């Protein structure tokens, strides 16, 4: 029996970023769910229970810190790994993301191979 594809939720307000990530993740064998703002990302995470979430911080409606915090402090979703992808590169941004429960933090522009390696390490 074929192994079920892992589902990754990509939450980013940049259409270009959603397209690039979606294409690369699909090429690497993942199913991809897309959300373009924090509220939609939270709703999709709760509805679809992805295996991993890639989350931007600067989002409309609800920012990425709050989305991460709401999921990580909910027993039903706390074990879903969250990778932050952000243009924010200050140490305080990274610390706030980790404090919100993020499992990894990548600064845009990022190395796609490093991101794919981190995804594999978090969902195997």
PDB file of N, CA and C in Angstrom:
ATOM      1  N   UNK A   1       0.840  -1.185   0.000  1.00  0.00           N
ATOM      2  CA  UNK A   1       0.000   0.000   0.000  1.00  0.00           C
ATOM      3  C   UNK A   1       0.886   1.251   0.000  1.00  0.00           C
ATOM      4  N   UNK A   2       0.541   2.204  -0.825  1.00  0.00           N
ATOM      5  CA  UNK A   2       1.323   3.441  -0.915  1.00  0.00           C
ATOM      6  C   UNK A   2       1.151   4.265   0.359  1.00  0.00           C
ATOM      7  N   UNK A   3       2.241   4.896   0.771  1.00  0.00           N
ATOM      8  CA  UNK A   3       2.188   5.751   1.957  1.00  0.00           C
ATOM      9  C   UNK A   3       1.368   6.999   1.638  1.00  0.00           C
ATOM     10  N   UNK A   4       0.526   7.385   2.584  1.00  0.00           N
ATOM     11  CA  UNK A   4      -0.298   8.578   2.412  1.00  0.00           C
ATOM     12  C   UNK A   4       0.601   9.806   2.352  1.00  0.00           C
ATOM     13  N   UNK A   5       0.306  10.698   1.401  1.00  0.00           N
ATOM     14  CA  UNK A   5       1.101  11.926   1.277  1.00  0.00           C
ATOM     15  C   UNK A   5       0.899  12.797   2.509  1.00  0.00           C
ATOM     16  N   UNK A   6       1.981  13.417   2.938  1.00  0.00           N
ATOM     17  CA  UNK A   6       1.910  14.354   4.060  1.00  0.00           C
ATOM     18  C   UNK A   6       1.316  15.672   3.566  1.00  0.00           C
ATOM     19  N   UNK A   7       0.459  16.273   4.402  1.00  0.00           N
ATOM     20  CA  UNK A   7      -0.197  17.536   4.069  1.00  0.00           C
ATOM     21  C   UNK A   7       0.544  18.699   4.718  1.00  0.00           C
ATOM     22  N   UNK A   8       0.844  19.715   3.923  1.00  0.00           N
ATOM     23  CA  UNK A   8       1.486  20.920   4.437  1.00  0.00           C
ATOM     24  C   UNK A   8       0.585  22.114   4.148  1.00  0.00           C
ATOM     25  N   UNK A   9       0.319  22.883   5.190  1.00  0.00           N
ATOM     26  CA  UNK A   9      -0.451  24.119   5.061  1.00  0.00           C
ATOM     27  C   UNK A   9       0.527  25.280   4.905  1.00  0.00           C
ATOM     28  N   UNK A  10       0.383  26.040   3.821  1.00  0.00           N
ATOM     29  CA  UNK A  10       1.204  27.225   3.573  1.00  0.00           C
ATOM     30  C   UNK A  10       0.327  28.453   3.809  1.00  0.00           C
ATOM     31  N   UNK A  11       0.720  29.278   4.781  1.00  0.00           N
ATOM     32  CA  UNK A  11      -0.025  30.498   5.108  1.00  0.00           C
ATOM     33  C   UNK A  11       0.875  31.696   4.816  1.00  0.00           C
ATOM     34  N   UNK A  12       0.555  32.409   3.734  1.00  0.00           N
ATOM     35  CA  UNK A  12       1.360  33.582   3.345  1.00  0.00           C
ATOM     36  C   UNK A  12       0.473  34.521   2.547  1.00  0.00           C
ATOM     37  N   UNK A  13       0.599  35.816   2.800  1.00  0.00           N
ATOM     38  CA  UNK A  13      -0.223  36.778   2.068  1.00  0.00           C
ATOM     39  C   UNK A  13       0.347  37.111   0.693  1.00  0.00           C
ATOM     40  N   UNK A  14       1.553  36.651   0.397  1.00  0.00           N
ATOM     41  CA  UNK A  14       2.151  36.863  -0.919  1.00  0.00           C
ATOM     42  C   UNK A  14       1.764  35.717  -1.853  1.00  0.00           C
ATOM     43  N   UNK A  15       1.038  36.069  -2.930  1.00  0.00           N
ATOM     44  CA  UNK A  15       0.642  35.039  -3.883  1.00  0.00           C
ATOM     45  C   UNK A  15       1.856  34.363  -4.502  1.00  0.00           C
ATOM     46  N   UNK A  16       2.901  35.139  -4.818  1.00  0.00           N
ATOM     47  CA  UNK A  16       4.114  34.561  -5.403  1.00  0.00           C
ATOM     48  C   UNK A  16       4.725  33.523  -4.464  1.00  0.00           C
ATOM     49  N   UNK A  17       4.801  33.852  -3.180  1.00  0.00           N
ATOM     50  CA  UNK A  17       5.375  32.916  -2.206  1.00  0.00           C
ATOM     51  C   UNK A  17       4.512  31.653  -2.109  1.00  0.00           C
ATOM     52  N   UNK A  18       3.199  31.814  -2.089  1.00  0.00           N
ATOM     53  CA  UNK A  18       2.304  30.637  -2.031  1.00  0.00           C
ATOM     54  C   UNK A  18       2.514  29.740  -3.247  1.00  0.00           C
ATOM     55  N   UNK A  19       2.629  30.342  -4.428  1.00  0.00           N
ATOM     56  CA  UNK A  19       2.803  29.563  -5.661  1.00  0.00           C
ATOM     57  C   UNK A  19       4.147  28.836  -5.657  1.00  0.00           C
ATOM     58  N   UNK A  20       5.220  29.562  -5.339  1.00  0.00           N
ATOM     59  CA  UNK A  20       6.564  28.967  -5.333  1.00  0.00           C
ATOM     60  C   UNK A  20       6.630  27.800  -4.347  1.00  0.00           C
ATOM     61  N   UNK A  21       6.179  28.046  -3.115  1.00  0.00           N
ATOM     62  CA  UNK A  21       6.226  26.980  -2.100  1.00  0.00           C
ATOM     63  C   UNK A  21       5.342  25.806  -2.501  1.00  0.00           C
ATOM     64  N   UNK A  22       4.155  26.092  -2.973  1.00  0.00           N
ATOM     65  CA  UNK A  22       3.229  25.036  -3.358  1.00  0.00           C
ATOM     66  C   UNK A  22       3.830  24.148  -4.448  1.00  0.00           C
ATOM     67  N   UNK A  23       4.390  24.768  -5.483  1.00  0.00           N
ATOM     68  CA  UNK A  23       4.985  23.991  -6.575  1.00  0.00           C
ATOM     69  C   UNK A  23       6.134  23.123  -6.075  1.00  0.00           C
ATOM     70  N   UNK A  24       7.039  23.715  -5.299  1.00  0.00           N
ATOM     71  CA  UNK A  24       8.195  22.955  -4.825  1.00  0.00           C
ATOM     72  C   UNK A  24       7.804  21.834  -3.866  1.00  0.00           C
ATOM     73  N   UNK A  25       6.833  22.101  -3.015  1.00  0.00           N
ATOM     74  CA  UNK A  25       6.383  21.061  -2.082  1.00  0.00           C
ATOM     75  C   UNK A  25       5.703  19.916  -2.832  1.00  0.00           C
ATOM     76  N   UNK A  26       4.877  20.241  -3.818  1.00  0.00           N
ATOM     77  CA  UNK A  26       4.202  19.190  -4.613  1.00  0.00           C
ATOM     78  C   UNK A  26       5.220  18.350  -5.371  1.00  0.00           C
ATOM     79  N   UNK A  27       6.245  19.003  -5.948  1.00  0.00           N
ATOM     80  CA  UNK A  27       7.310  18.278  -6.644  1.00  0.00           C
ATOM     81  C   UNK A  27       7.998  17.289  -5.692  1.00  0.00           C
ATOM     82  N   UNK A  28       8.072  17.665  -4.420  1.00  0.00           N
ATOM     83  CA  UNK A  28       8.718  16.807  -3.416  1.00  0.00           C
ATOM     84  C   UNK A  28       7.755  15.840  -2.741  1.00  0.00           C
ATOM     85  N   UNK A  29       6.550  15.682  -3.305  1.00  0.00           N
ATOM     86  CA  UNK A  29       5.643  14.633  -2.862  1.00  0.00           C
ATOM     87  C   UNK A  29       4.669  15.000  -1.753  1.00  0.00           C
ATOM     88  N   UNK A  30       4.488  16.279  -1.489  1.00  0.00           N
ATOM     89  CA  UNK A  30       3.558  16.690  -0.433  1.00  0.00           C
ATOM     90  C   UNK A  30       2.243  17.179  -1.024  1.00  0.00           C
ATOM     91  N   UNK A  31       1.160  16.978  -0.292  1.00  0.00           N
ATOM     92  CA  UNK A  31      -0.103  17.639  -0.599  1.00  0.00           C
ATOM     93  C   UNK A  31      -0.028  19.019   0.034  1.00  0.00           C
ATOM     94  N   UNK A  32      -0.551  20.020  -0.641  1.00  0.00           N
ATOM     95  CA  UNK A  32      -0.432  21.392  -0.155  1.00  0.00           C
ATOM     96  C   UNK A  32      -1.807  22.032  -0.008  1.00  0.00           C
ATOM     97  N   UNK A  33      -1.994  22.689   1.117  1.00  0.00           N
ATOM     98  CA  UNK A  33      -3.187  23.471   1.408  1.00  0.00           C
ATOM     99  C   UNK A  33      -2.710  24.919   1.504  1.00  0.00           C
ATOM    100  N   UNK A  34      -3.492  25.842   0.982  1.00  0.00           N
ATOM    101  CA  UNK A  34      -3.083  27.250   0.925  1.00  0.00           C
ATOM    102  C   UNK A  34      -4.028  28.123   1.753  1.00  0.00           C
ATOM    103  N   UNK A  35      -3.457  29.122   2.419  1.00  0.00           N
ATOM    104  CA  UNK A  35      -4.251  30.152   3.087  1.00  0.00           C
ATOM    105  C   UNK A  35      -3.528  31.478   2.883  1.00  0.00           C
ATOM    106  N   UNK A  36      -4.309  32.569   2.719  1.00  0.00           N
ATOM    107  CA  UNK A  36      -3.674  33.857   2.407  1.00  0.00           C
ATOM    108  C   UNK A  36      -3.721  34.870   3.531  1.00  0.00           C
ATOM    109  N   UNK A  37      -4.340  34.514   4.667  1.00  0.00           N
ATOM    110  CA  UNK A  37      -4.291  35.408   5.829  1.00  0.00           C
ATOM    111  C   UNK A  37      -4.336  34.562   7.102  1.00  0.00           C
ATOM    112  N   UNK A  38      -4.122  35.220   8.233  1.00  0.00           N
ATOM    113  CA  UNK A  38      -4.039  34.486   9.491  1.00  0.00           C
ATOM    114  C   UNK A  38      -5.319  33.767   9.873  1.00  0.00           C
ATOM    115  N   UNK A  39      -6.459  34.415   9.681  1.00  0.00           N
ATOM    116  CA  UNK A  39      -7.733  33.774  10.039  1.00  0.00           C
ATOM    117  C   UNK A  39      -7.984  32.539   9.185  1.00  0.00           C
ATOM    118  N   UNK A  40      -7.749  32.660   7.871  1.00  0.00           N
ATOM    119  CA  UNK A  40      -7.931  31.520   6.981  1.00  0.00           C
ATOM    120  C   UNK A  40      -6.946  30.404   7.336  1.00  0.00           C
ATOM    121  N   UNK A  41      -5.721  30.782   7.683  1.00  0.00           N
ATOM    122  CA  UNK A  41      -4.724  29.791   8.074  1.00  0.00           C
ATOM    123  C   UNK A  41      -5.154  29.025   9.314  1.00  0.00           C
ATOM    124  N   UNK A  42      -5.658  29.747  10.292  1.00  0.00           N
ATOM    125  CA  UNK A  42      -6.142  29.113  11.523  1.00  0.00           C
ATOM    126  C   UNK A  42      -7.318  28.183  11.225  1.00  0.00           C
ATOM    127  N   UNK A  43      -8.253  28.657  10.413  1.00  0.00           N
ATOM    128  CA  UNK A  43      -9.420  27.850  10.046  1.00  0.00           C
ATOM    129  C   UNK A  43      -9.013  26.591   9.295  1.00  0.00           C
ATOM    130  N   UNK A  44      -8.087  26.734   8.337  1.00  0.00           N
ATOM    131  CA  UNK A  44      -7.644  25.570   7.551  1.00  0.00           C
ATOM    132  C   UNK A  44      -6.872  24.576   8.422  1.00  0.00           C
ATOM    133  N   UNK A  45      -6.057  25.091   9.335  1.00  0.00           N
ATOM    134  CA  UNK A  45      -5.311  24.207  10.242  1.00  0.00           C
ATOM    135  C   UNK A  45      -6.282  23.370  11.068  1.00  0.00           C
ATOM    136  N   UNK A  46      -7.314  24.017  11.582  1.00  0.00           N
ATOM    137  CA  UNK A  46      -8.294  23.305  12.404  1.00  0.00           C
ATOM    138  C   UNK A  46      -9.139  22.342  11.587  1.00  0.00           C
ATOM    139  N   UNK A  47      -9.484  22.712  10.366  1.00  0.00           N
ATOM    140  CA  UNK A  47     -10.339  21.865   9.526  1.00  0.00           C
ATOM    141  C   UNK A  47      -9.579  20.702   8.892  1.00  0.00           C
ATOM    142  N   UNK A  48      -8.327  20.952   8.470  1.00  0.00           N
ATOM    143  CA  UNK A  48      -7.593  19.965   7.681  1.00  0.00           C
ATOM    144  C   UNK A  48      -6.515  19.207   8.439  1.00  0.00           C
ATOM    145  N   UNK A  49      -6.208  19.633   9.666  1.00  0.00           N
ATOM    146  CA  UNK A  49      -5.175  18.986  10.488  1.00  0.00           C
ATOM    147  C   UNK A  49      -3.948  18.592   9.655  1.00  0.00           C
ATOM    148  N   UNK A  50      -3.216  19.584   9.130  1.00  0.00           N
ATOM    149  CA  UNK A  50      -2.042  19.265   8.313  1.00  0.00           C
ATOM    150  C   UNK A  50      -0.936  18.619   9.145  1.00  0.00           C
ATOM    151  N   UNK A  51       0.024  18.014   8.448  1.00  0.00           N
ATOM    152  CA  UNK A  51       1.163  17.390   9.119  1.00  0.00           C
ATOM    153  C   UNK A  51       2.213  18.434   9.505  1.00  0.00           C
ATOM    154  N   UNK A  52       2.158  19.604   8.841  1.00  0.00           N
ATOM    155  CA  UNK A  52       3.111  20.677   9.115  1.00  0.00           C
ATOM    156  C   UNK A  52       2.524  21.980   8.572  1.00  0.00           C
ATOM    157  N   UNK A  53       2.895  23.096   9.199  1.00  0.00           N
ATOM    158  CA  UNK A  53       2.438  24.407   8.757  1.00  0.00           C
ATOM    159  C   UNK A  53       3.645  25.297   8.476  1.00  0.00           C
ATOM    160  N   UNK A  54       3.635  25.946   7.305  1.00  0.00           N
ATOM    161  CA  UNK A  54       4.618  26.975   6.983  1.00  0.00           C
ATOM    162  C   UNK A  54       3.869  28.292   7.095  1.00  0.00           C
ATOM    163  N   UNK A  55       4.353  29.172   7.979  1.00  0.00           N
ATOM    164  CA  UNK A  55       3.588  30.330   8.390  1.00  0.00           C
ATOM    165  C   UNK A  55       4.393  31.625   8.284  1.00  0.00           C
ATOM    166  N   UNK A  56       3.831  32.601   7.569  1.00  0.00           N
ATOM    167  CA  UNK A  56       4.411  33.940   7.534  1.00  0.00           C
ATOM    168  C   UNK A  56       4.012  34.639   8.829  1.00  0.00           C
ATOM    169  N   UNK A  57       4.776  35.642   9.246  1.00  0.00           N
ATOM    170  CA  UNK A  57       4.421  36.386  10.463  1.00  0.00           C
ATOM    171  C   UNK A  57       3.544  37.594  10.189  1.00  0.00           C
ATOM    172  N   UNK A  58       3.869  38.332   9.135  1.00  0.00           N
ATOM    173  CA  UNK A  58       3.135  39.559   8.840  1.00  0.00           C
ATOM    174  C   UNK A  58       1.963  39.231   7.921  1.00  0.00           C
ATOM    175  N   UNK A  59       0.815  38.959   8.545  1.00  0.00           N
ATOM    176  CA  UNK A  59      -0.377  38.527   7.820  1.00  0.00           C
ATOM    177  C   UNK A  59      -1.563  39.439   8.130  1.00  0.00           C
ATOM    178  N   UNK A  60      -2.483  39.584   7.179  1.00  0.00           N
ATOM    179  CA  UNK A  60      -3.725  40.296   7.473  1.00  0.00           C
ATOM    180  C   UNK A  60      -4.592  39.503   8.463  1.00  0.00           C
ATOM    181  N   UNK A  61      -5.476  40.205   9.128  1.00  0.00           N
ATOM    182  CA  UNK A  61      -6.474  39.664  10.055  1.00  0.00           C
ATOM    183  C   UNK A  61      -5.872  39.197  11.378  1.00  0.00           C
ATOM    184  N   UNK A  62      -5.079  38.135  11.365  1.00  0.00           N
ATOM    185  CA  UNK A  62      -4.392  37.654  12.579  1.00  0.00           C
ATOM    186  C   UNK A  62      -2.930  37.434  12.199  1.00  0.00           C
ATOM    187  N   UNK A  63      -1.991  37.996  12.968  1.00  0.00           N
ATOM    188  CA  UNK A  63      -0.581  37.802  12.594  1.00  0.00           C
ATOM    189  C   UNK A  63      -0.118  36.374  12.901  1.00  0.00           C
ATOM    190  N   UNK A  64       1.010  36.023  12.294  1.00  0.00           N
ATOM    191  CA  UNK A  64       1.530  34.663  12.417  1.00  0.00           C
ATOM    192  C   UNK A  64       1.862  34.250  13.844  1.00  0.00           C
ATOM    193  N   UNK A  65       2.316  35.208  14.663  1.00  0.00           N
ATOM    194  CA  UNK A  65       2.607  34.885  16.064  1.00  0.00           C
ATOM    195  C   UNK A  65       1.344  34.368  16.749  1.00  0.00           C
ATOM    196  N   UNK A  66       0.239  35.076  16.535  1.00  0.00           N
ATOM    197  CA  UNK A  66      -1.021  34.716  17.198  1.00  0.00           C
ATOM    198  C   UNK A  66      -1.572  33.398  16.657  1.00  0.00           C
ATOM    199  N   UNK A  67      -1.476  33.191  15.350  1.00  0.00           N
ATOM    200  CA  UNK A  67      -1.917  31.916  14.762  1.00  0.00           C
ATOM    201  C   UNK A  67      -1.134  30.775  15.396  1.00  0.00           C
ATOM    202  N   UNK A  68       0.178  30.924  15.458  1.00  0.00           N
ATOM    203  CA  UNK A  68       1.036  29.892  16.039  1.00  0.00           C
ATOM    204  C   UNK A  68       0.659  29.642  17.498  1.00  0.00           C
ATOM    205  N   UNK A  69       0.521  30.713  18.254  1.00  0.00           N
ATOM    206  CA  UNK A  69       0.185  30.604  19.674  1.00  0.00           C
ATOM    207  C   UNK A  69      -1.167  29.885  19.870  1.00  0.00           C
ATOM    208  N   UNK A  70      -2.171  30.276  19.079  1.00  0.00           N
ATOM    209  CA  UNK A  70      -3.504  29.674  19.219  1.00  0.00           C
ATOM    210  C   UNK A  70      -3.479  28.174  18.930  1.00  0.00           C
ATOM    211  N   UNK A  71      -2.663  27.761  17.968  1.00  0.00           N
ATOM    212  CA  UNK A  71      -2.564  26.330  17.647  1.00  0.00           C
ATOM    213  C   UNK A  71      -1.728  25.579  18.677  1.00  0.00           C
ATOM    214  N   UNK A  72      -0.599  26.160  19.063  1.00  0.00           N
ATOM    215  CA  UNK A  72       0.322  25.467  19.966  1.00  0.00           C
ATOM    216  C   UNK A  72      -0.204  25.346  21.400  1.00  0.00           C
ATOM    217  N   UNK A  73      -1.134  26.213  21.779  1.00  0.00           N
ATOM    218  CA  UNK A  73      -1.684  26.130  23.124  1.00  0.00           C
ATOM    219  C   UNK A  73      -3.049  25.445  23.140  1.00  0.00           C
ATOM    220  N   UNK A  74      -3.357  24.738  22.046  1.00  0.00           N
ATOM    221  CA  UNK A  74      -4.580  23.951  21.937  1.00  0.00           C
ATOM    222  C   UNK A  74      -4.150  22.482  21.855  1.00  0.00           C
ATOM    223  N   UNK A  75      -4.571  21.676  22.835  1.00  0.00           N
ATOM    224  CA  UNK A  75      -4.134  20.271  22.890  1.00  0.00           C
ATOM    225  C   UNK A  75      -4.374  19.515  21.587  1.00  0.00           C
ATOM    226  N   UNK A  76      -5.417  19.885  20.857  1.00  0.00           N
ATOM    227  CA  UNK A  76      -5.765  19.181  19.627  1.00  0.00           C
ATOM    228  C   UNK A  76      -4.751  19.427  18.501  1.00  0.00           C
ATOM    229  N   UNK A  77      -4.080  20.599  18.528  1.00  0.00           N
ATOM    230  CA  UNK A  77      -3.204  20.983  17.412  1.00  0.00           C
ATOM    231  C   UNK A  77      -1.753  21.220  17.801  1.00  0.00           C
ATOM    232  N   UNK A  78      -1.436  21.099  19.080  1.00  0.00           N
ATOM    233  CA  UNK A  78      -0.107  21.494  19.561  1.00  0.00           C
ATOM    234  C   UNK A  78       1.045  20.681  18.975  1.00  0.00           C
ATOM    235  N   UNK A  79       0.763  19.483  18.473  1.00  0.00           N
ATOM    236  CA  UNK A  79       1.832  18.644  17.938  1.00  0.00           C
ATOM    237  C   UNK A  79       2.106  18.862  16.455  1.00  0.00           C
ATOM    238  N   UNK A  80       1.355  19.768  15.821  1.00  0.00           N
ATOM    239  CA  UNK A  80       1.620  20.076  14.412  1.00  0.00           C
ATOM    240  C   UNK A  80       2.844  21.004  14.373  1.00  0.00           C
ATOM    241  N   UNK A  81       3.931  20.575  13.709  1.00  0.00           N
ATOM    242  CA  UNK A  81       5.105  21.446  13.628  1.00  0.00           C
ATOM    243  C   UNK A  81       4.804  22.715  12.832  1.00  0.00           C
ATOM    244  N   UNK A  82       5.347  23.830  13.294  1.00  0.00           N
ATOM    245  CA  UNK A  82       5.172  25.113  12.615  1.00  0.00           C
ATOM    246  C   UNK A  82       6.546  25.676  12.256  1.00  0.00           C
ATOM    247  N   UNK A  83       6.726  25.960  10.956  1.00  0.00           N
ATOM    248  CA  UNK A  83       7.937  26.619  10.477  1.00  0.00           C
ATOM    249  C   UNK A  83       7.555  28.045  10.107  1.00  0.00           C
ATOM    250  N   UNK A  84       8.223  29.003  10.723  1.00  0.00           N
ATOM    251  CA  UNK A  84       7.998  30.409  10.401  1.00  0.00           C
ATOM    252  C   UNK A  84       8.905  30.785   9.229  1.00  0.00           C
ATOM    253  N   UNK A  85       8.316  31.432   8.225  1.00  0.00           N
ATOM    254  CA  UNK A  85       9.063  32.014   7.108  1.00  0.00           C
ATOM    255  C   UNK A  85       8.771  33.495   7.150  1.00  0.00           C
ATOM    256  N   UNK A  86       9.772  34.311   7.397  1.00  0.00           N
ATOM    257  CA  UNK A  86       9.495  35.729   7.566  1.00  0.00           C
ATOM    258  C   UNK A  86      10.619  36.613   7.045  1.00  0.00           C
ATOM    259  N   UNK A  87      10.248  37.826   6.655  1.00  0.00           N
ATOM    260  CA  UNK A  87      11.242  38.832   6.286  1.00  0.00           C
ATOM    261  C   UNK A  87      11.823  39.485   7.543  1.00  0.00           C
ATOM    262  N   UNK A  88      11.175  39.268   8.696  1.00  0.00           N
ATOM    263  CA  UNK A  88      11.659  39.844   9.954  1.00  0.00           C
ATOM    264  C   UNK A  88      12.899  39.080  10.403  1.00  0.00           C
ATOM    265  N   UNK A  89      14.027  39.786  10.513  1.00  0.00           N
ATOM    266  CA  UNK A  89      15.271  39.074  10.818  1.00  0.00           C
ATOM    267  C   UNK A  89      15.944  39.533  12.103  1.00  0.00           C
ATOM    268  N   UNK A  90      15.222  40.220  12.961  1.00  0.00           N
ATOM    269  CA  UNK A  90      15.778  40.632  14.249  1.00  0.00           C
ATOM    270  C   UNK A  90      15.706  39.464  15.244  1.00  0.00           C
ATOM    271  N   UNK A  91      16.649  39.422  16.163  1.00  0.00           N
ATOM    272  CA  UNK A  91      16.671  38.377  17.187  1.00  0.00           C
ATOM    273  C   UNK A  91      15.358  38.354  17.979  1.00  0.00           C
ATOM    274  N   UNK A  92      14.792  39.538  18.270  1.00  0.00           N
ATOM    275  CA  UNK A  92      13.544  39.593  19.045  1.00  0.00           C
ATOM    276  C   UNK A  92      12.382  38.953  18.282  1.00  0.00           C
ATOM    277  N   UNK A  93      12.394  39.045  16.937  1.00  0.00           N
ATOM    278  CA  UNK A  93      11.342  38.411  16.138  1.00  0.00           C
ATOM    279  C   UNK A  93      11.440  36.897  16.259  1.00  0.00           C
ATOM    280  N   UNK A  94      12.662  36.404  16.181  1.00  0.00           N
ATOM    281  CA  UNK A  94      12.907  34.963  16.301  1.00  0.00           C
ATOM    282  C   UNK A  94      12.492  34.473  17.697  1.00  0.00           C
ATOM    283  N   UNK A  95      12.878  35.225  18.722  1.00  0.00           N
ATOM    284  CA  UNK A  95      12.538  34.832  20.097  1.00  0.00           C
ATOM    285  C   UNK A  95      11.029  34.850  20.328  1.00  0.00           C
ATOM    286  N   UNK A  96      10.352  35.857  19.770  1.00  0.00           N
ATOM    287  CA  UNK A  96       8.892  35.934  19.909  1.00  0.00           C
ATOM    288  C   UNK A  96       8.219  34.752  19.203  1.00  0.00           C
ATOM    289  N   UNK A  97       8.754  34.367  18.035  1.00  0.00           N
ATOM    290  CA  UNK A  97       8.203  33.225  17.294  1.00  0.00           C
ATOM    291  C   UNK A  97       8.396  31.925  18.077  1.00  0.00           C
ATOM    292  N   UNK A  98       9.593  31.732  18.617  1.00  0.00           N
ATOM    293  CA  UNK A  98       9.858  30.535  19.424  1.00  0.00           C
ATOM    294  C   UNK A  98       8.967  30.540  20.674  1.00  0.00           C
ATOM    295  N   UNK A  99       8.793  31.716  21.275  1.00  0.00           N
ATOM    296  CA  UNK A  99       7.912  31.847  22.431  1.00  0.00           C
ATOM    297  C   UNK A  99       6.460  31.548  22.102  1.00  0.00           C
ATOM    298  N   UNK A 100       6.089  31.727  20.827  1.00  0.00           N
ATOM    299  CA  UNK A 100       4.732  31.419  20.377  1.00  0.00           C
ATOM    300  C   UNK A 100       4.567  29.936  20.066  1.00  0.00           C
ATOM    301  N   UNK A 101       5.687  29.202  20.080  1.00  0.00           N
ATOM    302  CA  UNK A 101       5.625  27.753  19.856  1.00  0.00           C
ATOM    303  C   UNK A 101       6.202  27.273  18.542  1.00  0.00           C
ATOM    304  N   UNK A 102       6.775  28.172  17.740  1.00  0.00           N
ATOM    305  CA  UNK A 102       7.325  27.770  16.439  1.00  0.00           C
ATOM    306  C   UNK A 102       8.441  26.740  16.611  1.00  0.00           C
ATOM    307  N   UNK A 103       8.503  25.801  15.671  1.00  0.00           N
ATOM    308  CA  UNK A 103       9.516  24.745  15.705  1.00  0.00           C
ATOM    309  C   UNK A 103      10.778  25.124  14.933  1.00  0.00           C
ATOM    310  N   UNK A 104      10.650  26.079  14.009  1.00  0.00           N
ATOM    311  CA  UNK A 104      11.806  26.526  13.217  1.00  0.00           C
ATOM    312  C   UNK A 104      11.502  27.915  12.678  1.00  0.00           C
ATOM    313  N   UNK A 105      12.573  28.640  12.301  1.00  0.00           N
ATOM    314  CA  UNK A 105      12.441  30.021  11.842  1.00  0.00           C
ATOM    315  C   UNK A 105      13.379  30.223  10.667  1.00  0.00           C
ATOM    316  N   UNK A 106      12.816  30.571   9.514  1.00  0.00           N
ATOM    317  CA  UNK A 106      13.615  30.846   8.324  1.00  0.00           C
ATOM    318  C   UNK A 106      13.370  32.288   7.897  1.00  0.00           C
ATOM    319  N   UNK A 107      14.447  32.975   7.512  1.00  0.00           N
ATOM    320  CA  UNK A 107      14.345  34.359   7.062  1.00  0.00           C
ATOM    321  C   UNK A 107      14.291  34.379   5.533  1.00  0.00           C
ATOM    322  N   UNK A 108      13.316  35.134   4.989  1.00  0.00           N
ATOM    323  CA  UNK A 108      13.210  35.302   3.536  1.00  0.00           C
ATOM    324  C   UNK A 108      14.269  36.297   3.079  1.00  0.00           C
ATOM    325  N   UNK A 109      14.911  36.084   1.944  1.00  0.00           N
ATOM    326  CA  UNK A 109      14.845  34.868   1.125  1.00  0.00           C
ATOM    327  C   UNK A 109      15.558  33.713   1.834  1.00  0.00           C
ATOM    328  N   UNK A 110      15.097  32.520   1.596  1.00  0.00           N
ATOM    329  CA  UNK A 110      15.606  31.349   2.312  1.00  0.00           C
ATOM    330  C   UNK A 110      16.134  30.321   1.332  1.00  0.00           C
ATOM    331  N   UNK A 111      16.930  29.395   1.838  1.00  0.00           N
ATOM    332  CA  UNK A 111      17.469  28.297   1.044  1.00  0.00           C
ATOM    333  C   UNK A 111      16.424  27.180   1.014  1.00  0.00           C
ATOM    334  N   UNK A 112      15.883  26.914  -0.163  1.00  0.00           N
ATOM    335  CA  UNK A 112      14.804  25.934  -0.299  1.00  0.00           C
ATOM    336  C   UNK A 112      15.230  24.533   0.141  1.00  0.00           C
ATOM    337  N   UNK A 113      16.456  24.150  -0.157  1.00  0.00           N
ATOM    338  CA  UNK A 113      16.908  22.810   0.245  1.00  0.00           C
ATOM    339  C   UNK A 113      16.978  22.684   1.774  1.00  0.00           C
ATOM    340  N   UNK A 114      17.437  23.742   2.445  1.00  0.00           N
ATOM    341  CA  UNK A 114      17.460  23.718   3.913  1.00  0.00           C
ATOM    342  C   UNK A 114      16.042  23.622   4.466  1.00  0.00           C
ATOM    343  N   UNK A 115      15.110  24.351   3.842  1.00  0.00           N
ATOM    344  CA  UNK A 115      13.710  24.282   4.269  1.00  0.00           C
ATOM    345  C   UNK A 115      13.153  22.872   4.080  1.00  0.00           C
ATOM    346  N   UNK A 116      13.400  22.271   2.926  1.00  0.00           N
ATOM    347  CA  UNK A 116      12.916  20.906   2.666  1.00  0.00           C
ATOM    348  C   UNK A 116      13.522  19.908   3.655  1.00  0.00           C
ATOM    349  N   UNK A 117      14.801  20.069   3.972  1.00  0.00           N
ATOM    350  CA  UNK A 117      15.441  19.191   4.961  1.00  0.00           C
ATOM    351  C   UNK A 117      14.780  19.343   6.326  1.00  0.00           C
ATOM    352  N   UNK A 118      14.466  20.586   6.713  1.00  0.00           N
ATOM    353  CA  UNK A 118      13.820  20.825   8.000  1.00  0.00           C
ATOM    354  C   UNK A 118      12.423  20.217   8.015  1.00  0.00           C
ATOM    355  N   UNK A 119      11.690  20.353   6.914  1.00  0.00           N
ATOM    356  CA  UNK A 119      10.354  19.755   6.811  1.00  0.00           C
ATOM    357  C   UNK A 119      10.452  18.246   7.018  1.00  0.00           C
ATOM    358  N   UNK A 120      11.379  17.623   6.292  1.00  0.00           N
ATOM    359  CA  UNK A 120      11.542  16.162   6.416  1.00  0.00           C
ATOM    360  C   UNK A 120      11.873  15.764   7.847  1.00  0.00           C
ATOM    361  N   UNK A 121      12.729  16.539   8.513  1.00  0.00           N
ATOM    362  CA  UNK A 121      13.127  16.177   9.873  1.00  0.00           C
ATOM    363  C   UNK A 121      11.954  16.350  10.866  1.00  0.00           C
ATOM    364  N   UNK A 122      11.060  17.283  10.575  1.00  0.00           N
ATOM    365  CA  UNK A 122       9.953  17.534  11.497  1.00  0.00           C
ATOM    366  C   UNK A 122       8.756  16.601  11.302  1.00  0.00           C
ATOM    367  N   UNK A 123       8.600  16.032  10.107  1.00  0.00           N
ATOM    368  CA  UNK A 123       7.401  15.203   9.879  1.00  0.00           C
ATOM    369  C   UNK A 123       7.686  13.738   9.561  1.00  0.00           C
ATOM    370  N   UNK A 124       8.877  13.269   9.855  1.00  0.00           N
ATOM    371  CA  UNK A 124       9.135  11.837   9.628  1.00  0.00           C
ATOM    372  C   UNK A 124       8.895  11.058  10.909  1.00  0.00           C
TER     373      UNK A 124
END
